[in-house]
Amino acid sequence: MIAIHDQIAADLATAKAQTLHAGPIPCNEFDALQGLMESASAALDASLPASFEHHGRTYRLMVDIQRARLAIFESMTAEKSMLITLVTTDERGGNLHGGRNGQATN
């Protein structure tokens, strides 16, 4: 388990060095970072309700988030994000998928 976190840190350091903090990091070139973003997107997707109650009646709910900005923190107590990414919806039904680029933060 620890090895993946070490790989995320190493990929993030390499990506930062390659881009010199000047722009988006092509996270799809780094398997560990892409996996991290995909897990964040899946968590967001899973948190969206499929229905809601209103005055005793259940209504079906479909959510189509066109774009979401996700800030990923190394821990629950970290004050600064390690990676910021945009996720967009696909055209098949509103499921989120990770963006191709992320922005590392200092």
PDB file of N, CA and C in Angstrom:
ATOM      1  N   MET A   1       0.818  -1.197   0.000  1.00  0.00           N
ATOM      2  CA  MET A   1       0.000   0.000   0.000  1.00  0.00           C
ATOM      3  C   MET A   1       0.862   1.262   0.000  1.00  0.00           C
ATOM      4  N   ILE A   2       1.907   1.249   0.830  1.00  0.00           N
ATOM      5  CA  ILE A   2       2.767   2.428   0.934  1.00  0.00           C
ATOM      6  C   ILE A   2       3.457   2.703  -0.403  1.00  0.00           C
ATOM      7  N   ALA A   3       3.783   1.658  -1.147  1.00  0.00           N
ATOM      8  CA  ALA A   3       4.509   1.836  -2.405  1.00  0.00           C
ATOM      9  C   ALA A   3       3.757   2.754  -3.373  1.00  0.00           C
ATOM     10  N   ILE A   4       2.447   2.661  -3.444  1.00  0.00           N
ATOM     11  CA  ILE A   4       1.687   3.509  -4.364  1.00  0.00           C
ATOM     12  C   ILE A   4       1.775   4.971  -3.943  1.00  0.00           C
ATOM     13  N   HIS A   5       1.791   5.215  -2.637  1.00  0.00           N
ATOM     14  CA  HIS A   5       1.884   6.591  -2.161  1.00  0.00           C
ATOM     15  C   HIS A   5       3.264   7.175  -2.437  1.00  0.00           C
ATOM     16  N   ASP A   6       4.288   6.307  -2.335  1.00  0.00           N
ATOM     17  CA  ASP A   6       5.634   6.736  -2.701  1.00  0.00           C
ATOM     18  C   ASP A   6       5.701   7.045  -4.196  1.00  0.00           C
ATOM     19  N   GLN A   7       5.015   6.235  -5.008  1.00  0.00           N
ATOM     20  CA  GLN A   7       5.005   6.455  -6.459  1.00  0.00           C
ATOM     21  C   GLN A   7       4.266   7.743  -6.815  1.00  0.00           C
ATOM     22  N   ILE A   8       3.167   8.028  -6.113  1.00  0.00           N
ATOM     23  CA  ILE A   8       2.437   9.283  -6.336  1.00  0.00           C
ATOM     24  C   ILE A   8       3.359  10.465  -6.056  1.00  0.00           C
ATOM     25  N   ALA A   9       4.078  10.409  -4.933  1.00  0.00           N
ATOM     26  CA  ALA A   9       4.994  11.496  -4.577  1.00  0.00           C
ATOM     27  C   ALA A   9       6.104  11.639  -5.611  1.00  0.00           C
ATOM     28  N   ALA A  10       6.641  10.516  -6.062  1.00  0.00           N
ATOM     29  CA  ALA A  10       7.713  10.555  -7.059  1.00  0.00           C
ATOM     30  C   ALA A  10       7.202  11.099  -8.395  1.00  0.00           C
ATOM     31  N   ASP A  11       6.025  10.641  -8.824  1.00  0.00           N
ATOM     32  CA  ASP A  11       5.443  11.141 -10.079  1.00  0.00           C
ATOM     33  C   ASP A  11       5.158  12.632  -9.996  1.00  0.00           C
ATOM     34  N   LEU A  12       4.652  13.075  -8.862  1.00  0.00           N
ATOM     35  CA  LEU A  12       4.342  14.482  -8.679  1.00  0.00           C
ATOM     36  C   LEU A  12       5.618  15.320  -8.746  1.00  0.00           C
ATOM     37  N   ALA A  13       6.681  14.855  -8.101  1.00  0.00           N
ATOM     38  CA  ALA A  13       7.955  15.576  -8.140  1.00  0.00           C
ATOM     39  C   ALA A  13       8.518  15.634  -9.560  1.00  0.00           C
ATOM     40  N   THR A  14       8.439  14.522 -10.274  1.00  0.00           N
ATOM     41  CA  THR A  14       8.923  14.486 -11.660  1.00  0.00           C
ATOM     42  C   THR A  14       8.107  15.415 -12.553  1.00  0.00           C
ATOM     43  N   ALA A  15       6.796  15.356 -12.409  1.00  0.00           N
ATOM     44  CA  ALA A  15       5.923  16.201 -13.227  1.00  0.00           C
ATOM     45  C   ALA A  15       6.172  17.678 -12.946  1.00  0.00           C
ATOM     46  N   LYS A  16       6.349  18.025 -11.678  1.00  0.00           N
ATOM     47  CA  LYS A  16       6.631  19.422 -11.330  1.00  0.00           C
ATOM     48  C   LYS A  16       7.944  19.875 -11.960  1.00  0.00           C
ATOM     49  N   ALA A  17       8.954  19.024 -11.899  1.00  0.00           N
ATOM     50  CA  ALA A  17      10.255  19.371 -12.465  1.00  0.00           C
ATOM     51  C   ALA A  17      10.181  19.535 -13.980  1.00  0.00           C
ATOM     52  N   GLN A  18       9.400  18.703 -14.635  1.00  0.00           N
ATOM     53  CA  GLN A  18       9.278  18.771 -16.090  1.00  0.00           C
ATOM     54  C   GLN A  18       8.585  20.037 -16.552  1.00  0.00           C
ATOM     55  N   THR A  19       7.588  20.470 -15.808  1.00  0.00           N
ATOM     56  CA  THR A  19       6.821  21.634 -16.241  1.00  0.00           C
ATOM     57  C   THR A  19       7.279  22.926 -15.590  1.00  0.00           C
ATOM     58  N   LEU A  20       8.184  22.810 -14.599  1.00  0.00           N
ATOM     59  CA  LEU A  20       8.679  23.984 -13.873  1.00  0.00           C
ATOM     60  C   LEU A  20       7.544  24.845 -13.345  1.00  0.00           C
ATOM     61  N   HIS A  21       6.463  24.204 -12.937  1.00  0.00           N
ATOM     62  CA  HIS A  21       5.296  24.878 -12.351  1.00  0.00           C
ATOM     63  C   HIS A  21       4.657  25.882 -13.306  1.00  0.00           C
ATOM     64  N   ALA A  22       4.898  25.741 -14.580  1.00  0.00           N
ATOM     65  CA  ALA A  22       4.422  26.742 -15.540  1.00  0.00           C
ATOM     66  C   ALA A  22       3.054  26.443 -16.112  1.00  0.00           C
ATOM     67  N   GLY A  23       2.544  25.282 -15.898  1.00  0.00           N
ATOM     68  CA  GLY A  23       1.251  24.970 -16.504  1.00  0.00           C
ATOM     69  C   GLY A  23       0.761  23.615 -16.075  1.00  0.00           C
ATOM     70  N   PRO A  24      -0.237  23.115 -16.776  1.00  0.00           N
ATOM     71  CA  PRO A  24      -0.817  21.818 -16.428  1.00  0.00           C
ATOM     72  C   PRO A  24       0.183  20.683 -16.572  1.00  0.00           C
ATOM     73  N   ILE A  25       0.055  19.741 -15.692  1.00  0.00           N
ATOM     74  CA  ILE A  25       0.877  18.538 -15.748  1.00  0.00           C
ATOM     75  C   ILE A  25       0.089  17.480 -16.524  1.00  0.00           C
ATOM     76  N   PRO A  26       0.685  16.862 -17.513  1.00  0.00           N
ATOM     77  CA  PRO A  26      -0.030  15.796 -18.233  1.00  0.00           C
ATOM     78  C   PRO A  26      -0.089  14.542 -17.374  1.00  0.00           C
ATOM     79  N   CYS A  27      -1.054  14.505 -16.467  1.00  0.00           N
ATOM     80  CA  CYS A  27      -1.132  13.421 -15.484  1.00  0.00           C
ATOM     81  C   CYS A  27      -1.349  12.064 -16.114  1.00  0.00           C
ATOM     82  N   ASN A  28      -1.898  12.030 -17.319  1.00  0.00           N
ATOM     83  CA  ASN A  28      -2.103  10.728 -17.965  1.00  0.00           C
ATOM     84  C   ASN A  28      -0.776  10.085 -18.345  1.00  0.00           C
ATOM     85  N   GLU A  29       0.317  10.826 -18.272  1.00  0.00           N
ATOM     86  CA  GLU A  29       1.638  10.255 -18.530  1.00  0.00           C
ATOM     87  C   GLU A  29       2.229   9.633 -17.265  1.00  0.00           C
ATOM     88  N   PHE A  30       1.548   9.792 -16.146  1.00  0.00           N
ATOM     89  CA  PHE A  30       2.007   9.275 -14.867  1.00  0.00           C
ATOM     90  C   PHE A  30       0.897   8.395 -14.292  1.00  0.00           C
ATOM     91  N   ASP A  31       1.108   7.090 -14.331  1.00  0.00           N
ATOM     92  CA  ASP A  31       0.065   6.145 -13.924  1.00  0.00           C
ATOM     93  C   ASP A  31      -0.435   6.384 -12.501  1.00  0.00           C
ATOM     94  N   ALA A  32       0.464   6.676 -11.574  1.00  0.00           N
ATOM     95  CA  ALA A  32       0.049   6.858 -10.182  1.00  0.00           C
ATOM     96  C   ALA A  32      -0.819   8.104 -10.032  1.00  0.00           C
ATOM     97  N   LEU A  33      -0.469   9.196 -10.718  1.00  0.00           N
ATOM     98  CA  LEU A  33      -1.278  10.415 -10.649  1.00  0.00           C
ATOM     99  C   LEU A  33      -2.617  10.227 -11.339  1.00  0.00           C
ATOM    100  N   GLN A  34      -2.627   9.546 -12.465  1.00  0.00           N
ATOM    101  CA  GLN A  34      -3.881   9.291 -13.175  1.00  0.00           C
ATOM    102  C   GLN A  34      -4.797   8.430 -12.314  1.00  0.00           C
ATOM    103  N   GLY A  35      -4.231   7.429 -11.663  1.00  0.00           N
ATOM    104  CA  GLY A  35      -5.027   6.591 -10.775  1.00  0.00           C
ATOM    105  C   GLY A  35      -5.600   7.365  -9.602  1.00  0.00           C
ATOM    106  N   LEU A  36      -4.806   8.290  -9.052  1.00  0.00           N
ATOM    107  CA  LEU A  36      -5.273   9.131  -7.958  1.00  0.00           C
ATOM    108  C   LEU A  36      -6.453   9.987  -8.397  1.00  0.00           C
ATOM    109  N   MET A  37      -6.344  10.594  -9.572  1.00  0.00           N
ATOM    110  CA  MET A  37      -7.436  11.429 -10.087  1.00  0.00           C
ATOM    111  C   MET A  37      -8.673  10.594 -10.397  1.00  0.00           C
ATOM    112  N   GLU A  38      -8.491   9.401 -10.929  1.00  0.00           N
ATOM    113  CA  GLU A  38      -9.631   8.540 -11.214  1.00  0.00           C
ATOM    114  C   GLU A  38     -10.343   8.123  -9.928  1.00  0.00           C
ATOM    115  N   SER A  39      -9.579   7.857  -8.860  1.00  0.00           N
ATOM    116  CA  SER A  39     -10.196   7.511  -7.579  1.00  0.00           C
ATOM    117  C   SER A  39     -10.963   8.698  -7.005  1.00  0.00           C
ATOM    118  N   ALA A  40     -10.414   9.901  -7.141  1.00  0.00           N
ATOM    119  CA  ALA A  40     -11.113  11.099  -6.666  1.00  0.00           C
ATOM    120  C   ALA A  40     -12.408  11.306  -7.448  1.00  0.00           C
ATOM    121  N   SER A  41     -12.361  11.121  -8.755  1.00  0.00           N
ATOM    122  CA  SER A  41     -13.557  11.263  -9.588  1.00  0.00           C
ATOM    123  C   SER A  41     -14.610  10.228  -9.233  1.00  0.00           C
ATOM    124  N   ALA A  42     -14.159   8.994  -8.983  1.00  0.00           N
ATOM    125  CA  ALA A  42     -15.094   7.926  -8.611  1.00  0.00           C
ATOM    126  C   ALA A  42     -15.754   8.230  -7.266  1.00  0.00           C
ATOM    127  N   ALA A  43     -14.987   8.788  -6.320  1.00  0.00           N
ATOM    128  CA  ALA A  43     -15.558   9.146  -5.017  1.00  0.00           C
ATOM    129  C   ALA A  43     -16.617  10.234  -5.176  1.00  0.00           C
ATOM    130  N   LEU A  44     -16.335  11.204  -6.025  1.00  0.00           N
ATOM    131  CA  LEU A  44     -17.309  12.262  -6.280  1.00  0.00           C
ATOM    132  C   LEU A  44     -18.563  11.688  -6.927  1.00  0.00           C
ATOM    133  N   ASP A  45     -18.389  10.856  -7.927  1.00  0.00           N
ATOM    134  CA  ASP A  45     -19.515  10.236  -8.621  1.00  0.00           C
ATOM    135  C   ASP A  45     -20.363   9.404  -7.657  1.00  0.00           C
ATOM    136  N   ALA A  46     -19.711   8.645  -6.776  1.00  0.00           N
ATOM    137  CA  ALA A  46     -20.430   7.792  -5.821  1.00  0.00           C
ATOM    138  C   ALA A  46     -21.181   8.610  -4.771  1.00  0.00           C
ATOM    139  N   SER A  47     -20.750   9.840  -4.545  1.00  0.00           N
ATOM    140  CA  SER A  47     -21.400  10.654  -3.517  1.00  0.00           C
ATOM    141  C   SER A  47     -22.665  11.340  -4.009  1.00  0.00           C
ATOM    142  N   LEU A  48     -22.922  11.296  -5.303  1.00  0.00           N
ATOM    143  CA  LEU A  48     -24.107  11.944  -5.858  1.00  0.00           C
ATOM    144  C   LEU A  48     -25.333  11.052  -5.669  1.00  0.00           C
ATOM    145  N   PRO A  49     -26.384  11.586  -5.096  1.00  0.00           N
ATOM    146  CA  PRO A  49     -27.576  10.767  -4.845  1.00  0.00           C
ATOM    147  C   PRO A  49     -28.327  10.428  -6.138  1.00  0.00           C
ATOM    148  N   ALA A  50     -28.969   9.282  -6.138  1.00  0.00           N
ATOM    149  CA  ALA A  50     -29.791   8.869  -7.274  1.00  0.00           C
ATOM    150  C   ALA A  50     -31.248   9.288  -7.079  1.00  0.00           C
ATOM    151  N   SER A  51     -31.576   9.701  -5.837  1.00  0.00           N
ATOM    152  CA  SER A  51     -32.948  10.116  -5.550  1.00  0.00           C
ATOM    153  C   SER A  51     -32.938  11.049  -4.346  1.00  0.00           C
ATOM    154  N   PHE A  52     -34.098  11.674  -4.116  1.00  0.00           N
ATOM    155  CA  PHE A  52     -34.265  12.517  -2.934  1.00  0.00           C
ATOM    156  C   PHE A  52     -35.728  12.489  -2.519  1.00  0.00           C
ATOM    157  N   GLU A  53     -35.964  12.802  -1.258  1.00  0.00           N
ATOM    158  CA  GLU A  53     -37.309  12.816  -0.689  1.00  0.00           C
ATOM    159  C   GLU A  53     -37.823  14.251  -0.618  1.00  0.00           C
ATOM    160  N   HIS A  54     -39.100  14.421  -0.904  1.00  0.00           N
ATOM    161  CA  HIS A  54     -39.749  15.724  -0.734  1.00  0.00           C
ATOM    162  C   HIS A  54     -41.188  15.485  -0.308  1.00  0.00           C
ATOM    163  N   HIS A  55     -41.503  15.873   0.901  1.00  0.00           N
ATOM    164  CA  HIS A  55     -42.850  15.729   1.463  1.00  0.00           C
ATOM    165  C   HIS A  55     -43.407  14.317   1.276  1.00  0.00           C
ATOM    166  N   GLY A  56     -42.585  13.340   1.640  1.00  0.00           N
ATOM    167  CA  GLY A  56     -43.052  11.963   1.635  1.00  0.00           C
ATOM    168  C   GLY A  56     -42.985  11.250   0.303  1.00  0.00           C
ATOM    169  N   ARG A  57     -42.515  11.893  -0.724  1.00  0.00           N
ATOM    170  CA  ARG A  57     -42.422  11.261  -2.041  1.00  0.00           C
ATOM    171  C   ARG A  57     -40.954  11.207  -2.458  1.00  0.00           C
ATOM    172  N   THR A  58     -40.575  10.081  -3.079  1.00  0.00           N
ATOM    173  CA  THR A  58     -39.209   9.917  -3.570  1.00  0.00           C
ATOM    174  C   THR A  58     -39.154  10.292  -5.039  1.00  0.00           C
ATOM    175  N   TYR A  59     -38.247  11.181  -5.347  1.00  0.00           N
ATOM    176  CA  TYR A  59     -38.022  11.618  -6.725  1.00  0.00           C
ATOM    177  C   TYR A  59     -36.674  11.101  -7.203  1.00  0.00           C
ATOM    178  N   ARG A  60     -36.621  10.700  -8.443  1.00  0.00           N
ATOM    179  CA  ARG A  60     -35.359  10.293  -9.059  1.00  0.00           C
ATOM    180  C   ARG A  60     -34.567  11.545  -9.388  1.00  0.00           C
ATOM    181  N   LEU A  61     -33.257  11.480  -9.229  1.00  0.00           N
ATOM    182  CA  LEU A  61     -32.386  12.619  -9.494  1.00  0.00           C
ATOM    183  C   LEU A  61     -31.239  12.193 -10.394  1.00  0.00           C
ATOM    184  N   MET A  62     -31.049  12.908 -11.474  1.00  0.00           N
ATOM    185  CA  MET A  62     -29.881  12.715 -12.330  1.00  0.00           C
ATOM    186  C   MET A  62     -29.074  14.006 -12.284  1.00  0.00           C
ATOM    187  N   VAL A  63     -27.798  13.868 -12.016  1.00  0.00           N
ATOM    188  CA  VAL A  63     -26.916  15.020 -11.891  1.00  0.00           C
ATOM    189  C   VAL A  63     -25.928  14.994 -13.043  1.00  0.00           C
ATOM    190  N   ASP A  64     -25.823  16.096 -13.741  1.00  0.00           N
ATOM    191  CA  ASP A  64     -24.868  16.223 -14.840  1.00  0.00           C
ATOM    192  C   ASP A  64     -23.958  17.405 -14.526  1.00  0.00           C
ATOM    193  N   ILE A  65     -22.841  17.102 -13.921  1.00  0.00           N
ATOM    194  CA  ILE A  65     -21.865  18.146 -13.625  1.00  0.00           C
ATOM    195  C   ILE A  65     -20.979  18.291 -14.858  1.00  0.00           C
ATOM    196  N   GLN A  66     -21.059  19.417 -15.485  1.00  0.00           N
ATOM    197  CA  GLN A  66     -20.274  19.633 -16.694  1.00  0.00           C
ATOM    198  C   GLN A  66     -18.774  19.700 -16.405  1.00  0.00           C
ATOM    199  N   ARG A  67     -18.433  20.333 -15.291  1.00  0.00           N
ATOM    200  CA  ARG A  67     -17.017  20.448 -14.947  1.00  0.00           C
ATOM    201  C   ARG A  67     -16.889  20.665 -13.440  1.00  0.00           C
ATOM    202  N   ALA A  68     -15.982  19.952 -12.831  1.00  0.00           N
ATOM    203  CA  ALA A  68     -15.731  20.115 -11.400  1.00  0.00           C
ATOM    204  C   ALA A  68     -14.233  20.286 -11.184  1.00  0.00           C
ATOM    205  N   ARG A  69     -13.879  21.188 -10.319  1.00  0.00           N
ATOM    206  CA  ARG A  69     -12.483  21.416  -9.952  1.00  0.00           C
ATOM    207  C   ARG A  69     -12.245  20.671  -8.644  1.00  0.00           C
ATOM    208  N   LEU A  70     -11.323  19.711  -8.666  1.00  0.00           N
ATOM    209  CA  LEU A  70     -11.010  18.931  -7.482  1.00  0.00           C
ATOM    210  C   LEU A  70      -9.636  19.308  -6.965  1.00  0.00           C
ATOM    211  N   ALA A  71      -9.547  19.593  -5.699  1.00  0.00           N
ATOM    212  CA  ALA A  71      -8.263  19.811  -5.044  1.00  0.00           C
ATOM    213  C   ALA A  71      -8.004  18.566  -4.202  1.00  0.00           C
ATOM    214  N   ILE A  72      -6.872  17.938  -4.415  1.00  0.00           N
ATOM    215  CA  ILE A  72      -6.528  16.705  -3.716  1.00  0.00           C
ATOM    216  C   ILE A  72      -5.450  17.024  -2.687  1.00  0.00           C
ATOM    217  N   PHE A  73      -5.732  16.652  -1.435  1.00  0.00           N
ATOM    218  CA  PHE A  73      -4.827  16.917  -0.327  1.00  0.00           C
ATOM    219  C   PHE A  73      -4.180  15.606   0.113  1.00  0.00           C
ATOM    220  N   GLU A  74      -2.959  15.684   0.585  1.00  0.00           N
ATOM    221  CA  GLU A  74      -2.235  14.479   0.983  1.00  0.00           C
ATOM    222  C   GLU A  74      -2.844  13.811   2.211  1.00  0.00           C
ATOM    223  N   SER A  75      -3.501  14.586   3.064  1.00  0.00           N
ATOM    224  CA  SER A  75      -4.121  14.024   4.261  1.00  0.00           C
ATOM    225  C   SER A  75      -5.317  14.886   4.659  1.00  0.00           C
ATOM    226  N   MET A  76      -6.076  14.407   5.614  1.00  0.00           N
ATOM    227  CA  MET A  76      -7.240  15.156   6.094  1.00  0.00           C
ATOM    228  C   MET A  76      -6.841  16.440   6.802  1.00  0.00           C
ATOM    229  N   THR A  77      -5.611  16.521   7.286  1.00  0.00           N
ATOM    230  CA  THR A  77      -5.170  17.711   8.015  1.00  0.00           C
ATOM    231  C   THR A  77      -4.264  18.622   7.190  1.00  0.00           C
ATOM    232  N   ALA A  78      -3.927  18.219   5.981  1.00  0.00           N
ATOM    233  CA  ALA A  78      -3.063  19.051   5.135  1.00  0.00           C
ATOM    234  C   ALA A  78      -3.774  20.355   4.799  1.00  0.00           C
ATOM    235  N   GLU A  79      -3.040  21.451   4.858  1.00  0.00           N
ATOM    236  CA  GLU A  79      -3.622  22.759   4.578  1.00  0.00           C
ATOM    237  C   GLU A  79      -3.541  23.136   3.108  1.00  0.00           C
ATOM    238  N   LYS A  80      -2.576  22.595   2.395  1.00  0.00           N
ATOM    239  CA  LYS A  80      -2.383  22.947   0.991  1.00  0.00           C
ATOM    240  C   LYS A  80      -2.555  21.707   0.122  1.00  0.00           C
ATOM    241  N   SER A  81      -3.249  21.882  -0.998  1.00  0.00           N
ATOM    242  CA  SER A  81      -3.475  20.746  -1.895  1.00  0.00           C
ATOM    243  C   SER A  81      -2.186  20.368  -2.608  1.00  0.00           C
ATOM    244  N   MET A  82      -2.074  19.098  -2.932  1.00  0.00           N
ATOM    245  CA  MET A  82      -0.917  18.628  -3.684  1.00  0.00           C
ATOM    246  C   MET A  82      -1.197  18.595  -5.181  1.00  0.00           C
ATOM    247  N   LEU A  83      -2.472  18.508  -5.545  1.00  0.00           N
ATOM    248  CA  LEU A  83      -2.841  18.416  -6.951  1.00  0.00           C
ATOM    249  C   LEU A  83      -4.236  18.990  -7.124  1.00  0.00           C
ATOM    250  N   ILE A  84      -4.404  19.792  -8.142  1.00  0.00           N
ATOM    251  CA  ILE A  84      -5.719  20.322  -8.502  1.00  0.00           C
ATOM    252  C   ILE A  84      -6.016  19.836  -9.908  1.00  0.00           C
ATOM    253  N   THR A  85      -7.200  19.323 -10.113  1.00  0.00           N
ATOM    254  CA  THR A  85      -7.554  18.793 -11.424  1.00  0.00           C
ATOM    255  C   THR A  85      -8.987  19.176 -11.779  1.00  0.00           C
ATOM    256  N   LEU A  86      -9.266  19.197 -13.046  1.00  0.00           N
ATOM    257  CA  LEU A  86     -10.627  19.388 -13.532  1.00  0.00           C
ATOM    258  C   LEU A  86     -11.145  18.050 -14.011  1.00  0.00           C
ATOM    259  N   VAL A  87     -12.380  17.739 -13.660  1.00  0.00           N
ATOM    260  CA  VAL A  87     -13.039  16.558 -14.207  1.00  0.00           C
ATOM    261  C   VAL A  87     -14.235  17.040 -15.005  1.00  0.00           C
ATOM    262  N   THR A  88     -14.542  16.325 -16.050  1.00  0.00           N
ATOM    263  CA  THR A  88     -15.654  16.690 -16.913  1.00  0.00           C
ATOM    264  C   THR A  88     -16.562  15.484 -17.079  1.00  0.00           C
ATOM    265  N   THR A  89     -17.793  15.739 -17.486  1.00  0.00           N
ATOM    266  CA  THR A  89     -18.724  14.638 -17.705  1.00  0.00           C
ATOM    267  C   THR A  89     -18.566  14.108 -19.121  1.00  0.00           C
ATOM    268  N   ASP A  90     -18.887  12.833 -19.261  1.00  0.00           N
ATOM    269  CA  ASP A  90     -18.914  12.280 -20.608  1.00  0.00           C
ATOM    270  C   ASP A  90     -20.292  12.556 -21.205  1.00  0.00           C
ATOM    271  N   GLU A  91     -20.501  12.163 -22.428  1.00  0.00           N
ATOM    272  CA  GLU A  91     -21.753  12.479 -23.101  1.00  0.00           C
ATOM    273  C   GLU A  91     -22.783  11.362 -22.988  1.00  0.00           C
ATOM    274  N   ARG A  92     -22.478  10.314 -22.235  1.00  0.00           N
ATOM    275  CA  ARG A  92     -23.383   9.166 -22.161  1.00  0.00           C
ATOM    276  C   ARG A  92     -24.356   9.217 -21.009  1.00  0.00           C
ATOM    277  N   GLY A  93     -24.152  10.108 -20.045  1.00  0.00           N
ATOM    278  CA  GLY A  93     -25.105  10.062 -18.951  1.00  0.00           C
ATOM    279  C   GLY A  93     -24.654  10.755 -17.697  1.00  0.00           C
ATOM    280  N   GLY A  94     -23.641  11.566 -17.798  1.00  0.00           N
ATOM    281  CA  GLY A  94     -23.271  12.363 -16.653  1.00  0.00           C
ATOM    282  C   GLY A  94     -22.262  11.746 -15.714  1.00  0.00           C
ATOM    283  N   ASN A  95     -21.673  10.619 -16.074  1.00  0.00           N
ATOM    284  CA  ASN A  95     -20.646  10.056 -15.212  1.00  0.00           C
ATOM    285  C   ASN A  95     -19.371  10.872 -15.332  1.00  0.00           C
ATOM    286  N   LEU A  96     -18.729  11.081 -14.208  1.00  0.00           N
ATOM    287  CA  LEU A  96     -17.515  11.893 -14.199  1.00  0.00           C
ATOM    288  C   LEU A  96     -16.320  11.063 -14.619  1.00  0.00           C
ATOM    289  N   HIS A  97     -15.392  11.703 -15.278  1.00  0.00           N
ATOM    290  CA  HIS A  97     -14.104  11.056 -15.541  1.00  0.00           C
ATOM    291  C   HIS A  97     -13.012  12.084 -15.356  1.00  0.00           C
ATOM    292  N   GLY A  98     -11.852  11.605 -14.965  1.00  0.00           N
ATOM    293  CA  GLY A  98     -10.744  12.501 -14.646  1.00  0.00           C
ATOM    294  C   GLY A  98     -10.251  13.244 -15.864  1.00  0.00           C
ATOM    295  N   GLY A  99      -9.840  14.464 -15.632  1.00  0.00           N
ATOM    296  CA  GLY A  99      -9.263  15.267 -16.686  1.00  0.00           C
ATOM    297  C   GLY A  99      -7.898  14.718 -17.073  1.00  0.00           C
ATOM    298  N   ARG A 100      -7.425  15.137 -18.194  1.00  0.00           N
ATOM    299  CA  ARG A 100      -6.131  14.683 -18.673  1.00  0.00           C
ATOM    300  C   ARG A 100      -4.990  15.442 -18.006  1.00  0.00           C
ATOM    301  N   ASN A 101      -5.243  16.604 -17.526  1.00  0.00           N
ATOM    302  CA  ASN A 101      -4.186  17.418 -16.939  1.00  0.00           C
ATOM    303  C   ASN A 101      -4.544  17.788 -15.512  1.00  0.00           C
ATOM    304  N   GLY A 102      -3.533  17.877 -14.705  1.00  0.00           N
ATOM    305  CA  GLY A 102      -3.707  18.358 -13.344  1.00  0.00           C
ATOM    306  C   GLY A 102      -2.708  19.472 -13.110  1.00  0.00           C
ATOM    307  N   GLN A 103      -2.925  20.226 -12.082  1.00  0.00           N
ATOM    308  CA  GLN A 103      -2.006  21.295 -11.744  1.00  0.00           C
ATOM    309  C   GLN A 103      -1.460  21.003 -10.357  1.00  0.00           C
ATOM    310  N   ALA A 104      -0.181  20.775 -10.263  1.00  0.00           N
ATOM    311  CA  ALA A 104       0.430  20.549  -8.961  1.00  0.00           C
ATOM    312  C   ALA A 104       0.508  21.880  -8.230  1.00  0.00           C
ATOM    313  N   THR A 105       0.396  21.815  -6.937  1.00  0.00           N
ATOM    314  CA  THR A 105       0.492  23.033  -6.146  1.00  0.00           C
ATOM    315  C   THR A 105       1.681  22.923  -5.214  1.00  0.00           C
ATOM    316  N   ASN A 106       2.231  24.038  -4.872  1.00  0.00           N
ATOM    317  CA  ASN A 106       3.396  24.059  -3.976  1.00  0.00           C
ATOM    318  C   ASN A 106       2.964  24.054  -2.534  1.00  0.00           C
TER     319      ASN A 106
END
